[in-house]
Amino acid sequence: MFTLQPKLTIKLNVGRPHLTWIKGVSDAVDLYVDRDDGAGFVFLGRLLKNEYIDVVSLAAPKIFDEWKYKAICVIADTQVGLYSNIMSIDVKKL
């Protein structure tokens, strides 16, 4: 038996966090973000493709922040396996 765990990679793409992952045998991943706003990790969505560009702007009056992301695999509408390692990236207001 094996344990599924998505491996996230993240980089900036024109100032926006661009996440990619290998979903393997899973149907999708559920992606979560912590935007350092006191809400902790919140659900971004169930993603069928293996990439996501976060287009949300920084909250005023911030000009710089660190955002964190994590994901978990989904098979047949059920979360399976382990959450990915938490990945973070520094974002700044454009």
C-alpha atoms as a PDB file:
ATOM      1  CA  MET A   1       0.000   0.000   0.000  1.00  0.00           C
ATOM      2  CA  PHE A   2       1.176   3.541  -0.674  1.00  0.00           C
ATOM      3  CA  THR A   3       0.393   6.973   0.706  1.00  0.00           C
ATOM      4  CA  LEU A   4      -0.477   9.796  -1.666  1.00  0.00           C
ATOM      5  CA  GLN A   5       1.010  13.192  -0.935  1.00  0.00           C
ATOM      6  CA  PRO A   6       1.129  15.977  -3.517  1.00  0.00           C
ATOM      7  CA  LYS A   7       4.477  17.722  -3.909  1.00  0.00           C
ATOM      8  CA  LEU A   8       3.924  21.440  -4.434  1.00  0.00           C
ATOM      9  CA  THR A   9       6.348  23.758  -6.146  1.00  0.00           C
ATOM     10  CA  ILE A  10       5.865  27.499  -6.140  1.00  0.00           C
ATOM     11  CA  LYS A  11       7.409  30.502  -7.865  1.00  0.00           C
ATOM     12  CA  LEU A  12       6.390  34.024  -8.756  1.00  0.00           C
ATOM     13  CA  ASN A  13       4.922  34.598 -12.210  1.00  0.00           C
ATOM     14  CA  VAL A  14       4.553  38.324 -12.966  1.00  0.00           C
ATOM     15  CA  GLY A  15       4.339  38.950  -9.220  1.00  0.00           C
ATOM     16  CA  ARG A  16       1.687  36.259  -8.638  1.00  0.00           C
ATOM     17  CA  PRO A  17       2.216  32.929  -6.831  1.00  0.00           C
ATOM     18  CA  HIS A  18       2.242  30.150  -9.442  1.00  0.00           C
ATOM     19  CA  LEU A  19       1.816  26.684  -7.944  1.00  0.00           C
ATOM     20  CA  THR A  20       2.374  23.397  -9.737  1.00  0.00           C
ATOM     21  CA  TRP A  21       2.227  19.786  -8.581  1.00  0.00           C
ATOM     22  CA  ILE A  22       2.179  16.225  -9.809  1.00  0.00           C
ATOM     23  CA  LYS A  23      -1.207  14.746  -8.980  1.00  0.00           C
ATOM     24  CA  GLY A  24      -0.298  11.199 -10.048  1.00  0.00           C
ATOM     25  CA  VAL A  25      -3.233   8.795  -9.779  1.00  0.00           C
ATOM     26  CA  SER A  26      -5.469  11.325  -8.007  1.00  0.00           C
ATOM     27  CA  ASP A  27      -8.411  12.950  -9.780  1.00  0.00           C
ATOM     28  CA  ALA A  28      -7.715  16.392  -8.307  1.00  0.00           C
ATOM     29  CA  VAL A  29      -6.192  18.228  -5.353  1.00  0.00           C
ATOM     30  CA  ASP A  30      -7.849  20.387  -2.723  1.00  0.00           C
ATOM     31  CA  LEU A  31      -5.716  23.513  -2.344  1.00  0.00           C
ATOM     32  CA  TYR A  32      -5.557  25.684   0.795  1.00  0.00           C
ATOM     33  CA  VAL A  33      -3.910  29.063   1.462  1.00  0.00           C
ATOM     34  CA  ASP A  34      -2.923  31.023   4.559  1.00  0.00           C
ATOM     35  CA  ARG A  35      -2.577  34.696   3.619  1.00  0.00           C
ATOM     36  CA  ASP A  36      -1.371  35.790   7.081  1.00  0.00           C
ATOM     37  CA  ASP A  37      -4.694  37.516   7.777  1.00  0.00           C
ATOM     38  CA  GLY A  38      -5.583  35.656  10.979  1.00  0.00           C
ATOM     39  CA  ALA A  39      -7.959  33.208   9.249  1.00  0.00           C
ATOM     40  CA  GLY A  40      -5.396  30.380   9.015  1.00  0.00           C
ATOM     41  CA  PHE A  41      -5.603  27.974   6.088  1.00  0.00           C
ATOM     42  CA  VAL A  42      -8.735  28.458   3.970  1.00  0.00           C
ATOM     43  CA  PHE A  43      -9.977  26.306   1.102  1.00  0.00           C
ATOM     44  CA  LEU A  44      -9.140  27.723  -2.339  1.00  0.00           C
ATOM     45  CA  GLY A  45     -10.773  25.031  -4.412  1.00  0.00           C
ATOM     46  CA  ARG A  46     -10.720  21.553  -5.890  1.00  0.00           C
ATOM     47  CA  LEU A  47      -8.379  21.726  -8.860  1.00  0.00           C
ATOM     48  CA  LEU A  48      -8.422  19.241 -11.719  1.00  0.00           C
ATOM     49  CA  LYS A  49      -5.396  20.701 -13.501  1.00  0.00           C
ATOM     50  CA  ASN A  50      -1.884  20.567 -12.066  1.00  0.00           C
ATOM     51  CA  GLU A  51      -1.287  24.302 -11.758  1.00  0.00           C
ATOM     52  CA  TYR A  52      -2.806  27.376 -10.158  1.00  0.00           C
ATOM     53  CA  ILE A  53      -1.976  31.095 -10.311  1.00  0.00           C
ATOM     54  CA  ASP A  54      -3.198  33.052  -7.294  1.00  0.00           C
ATOM     55  CA  VAL A  55      -4.550  36.393  -8.526  1.00  0.00           C
ATOM     56  CA  VAL A  56      -5.679  37.759  -5.157  1.00  0.00           C
ATOM     57  CA  SER A  57      -4.151  41.130  -4.274  1.00  0.00           C
ATOM     58  CA  LEU A  58      -2.532  41.927  -0.955  1.00  0.00           C
ATOM     59  CA  ALA A  59      -4.887  43.335   1.637  1.00  0.00           C
ATOM     60  CA  ALA A  60      -4.534  47.065   2.260  1.00  0.00           C
ATOM     61  CA  PRO A  61      -2.333  48.540   3.705  1.00  0.00           C
ATOM     62  CA  LYS A  62       0.149  45.671   3.307  1.00  0.00           C
ATOM     63  CA  ILE A  63       2.854  46.023   0.674  1.00  0.00           C
ATOM     64  CA  PHE A  64       4.687  42.788   1.514  1.00  0.00           C
ATOM     65  CA  ASP A  65       3.600  39.461   3.015  1.00  0.00           C
ATOM     66  CA  GLU A  66       4.321  35.733   3.184  1.00  0.00           C
ATOM     67  CA  TRP A  67       1.595  33.383   1.913  1.00  0.00           C
ATOM     68  CA  LYS A  68       1.548  29.657   2.635  1.00  0.00           C
ATOM     69  CA  TYR A  69      -0.058  26.859   0.651  1.00  0.00           C
ATOM     70  CA  LYS A  70      -0.833  23.176   1.173  1.00  0.00           C
ATOM     71  CA  ALA A  71      -2.753  20.560  -0.816  1.00  0.00           C
ATOM     72  CA  ILE A  72      -4.220  17.091  -0.428  1.00  0.00           C
ATOM     73  CA  CYS A  73      -5.088  14.535  -3.110  1.00  0.00           C
ATOM     74  CA  VAL A  74      -8.678  13.745  -4.064  1.00  0.00           C
ATOM     75  CA  ILE A  75      -9.960  10.475  -5.546  1.00  0.00           C
ATOM     76  CA  ALA A  76     -13.667   9.983  -6.311  1.00  0.00           C
ATOM     77  CA  ASP A  77     -14.591  13.170  -4.384  1.00  0.00           C
ATOM     78  CA  THR A  78     -12.783  11.994  -1.227  1.00  0.00           C
ATOM     79  CA  GLN A  79      -9.599  13.450   0.247  1.00  0.00           C
ATOM     80  CA  VAL A  80      -6.944  10.746   0.482  1.00  0.00           C
ATOM     81  CA  GLY A  81      -3.375  10.476   1.705  1.00  0.00           C
ATOM     82  CA  LEU A  82      -1.353  13.159   3.446  1.00  0.00           C
ATOM     83  CA  TYR A  83      -1.273  16.917   3.099  1.00  0.00           C
ATOM     84  CA  SER A  84       1.657  18.227   1.126  1.00  0.00           C
ATOM     85  CA  ASN A  85       4.478  19.999   2.872  1.00  0.00           C
ATOM     86  CA  ILE A  86       3.555  23.609   3.510  1.00  0.00           C
ATOM     87  CA  MET A  87       5.135  25.849   0.883  1.00  0.00           C
ATOM     88  CA  SER A  88       5.530  29.589   1.375  1.00  0.00           C
ATOM     89  CA  ILE A  89       6.348  32.498  -0.880  1.00  0.00           C
ATOM     90  CA  ASP A  90       6.917  36.211  -0.332  1.00  0.00           C
ATOM     91  CA  VAL A  91       4.469  38.397  -2.223  1.00  0.00           C
ATOM     92  CA  LYS A  92       4.498  42.148  -2.651  1.00  0.00           C
ATOM     93  CA  LYS A  93       2.090  44.726  -3.970  1.00  0.00           C
ATOM     94  CA  LEU A  94       2.638  45.523  -7.622  1.00  0.00           C
END
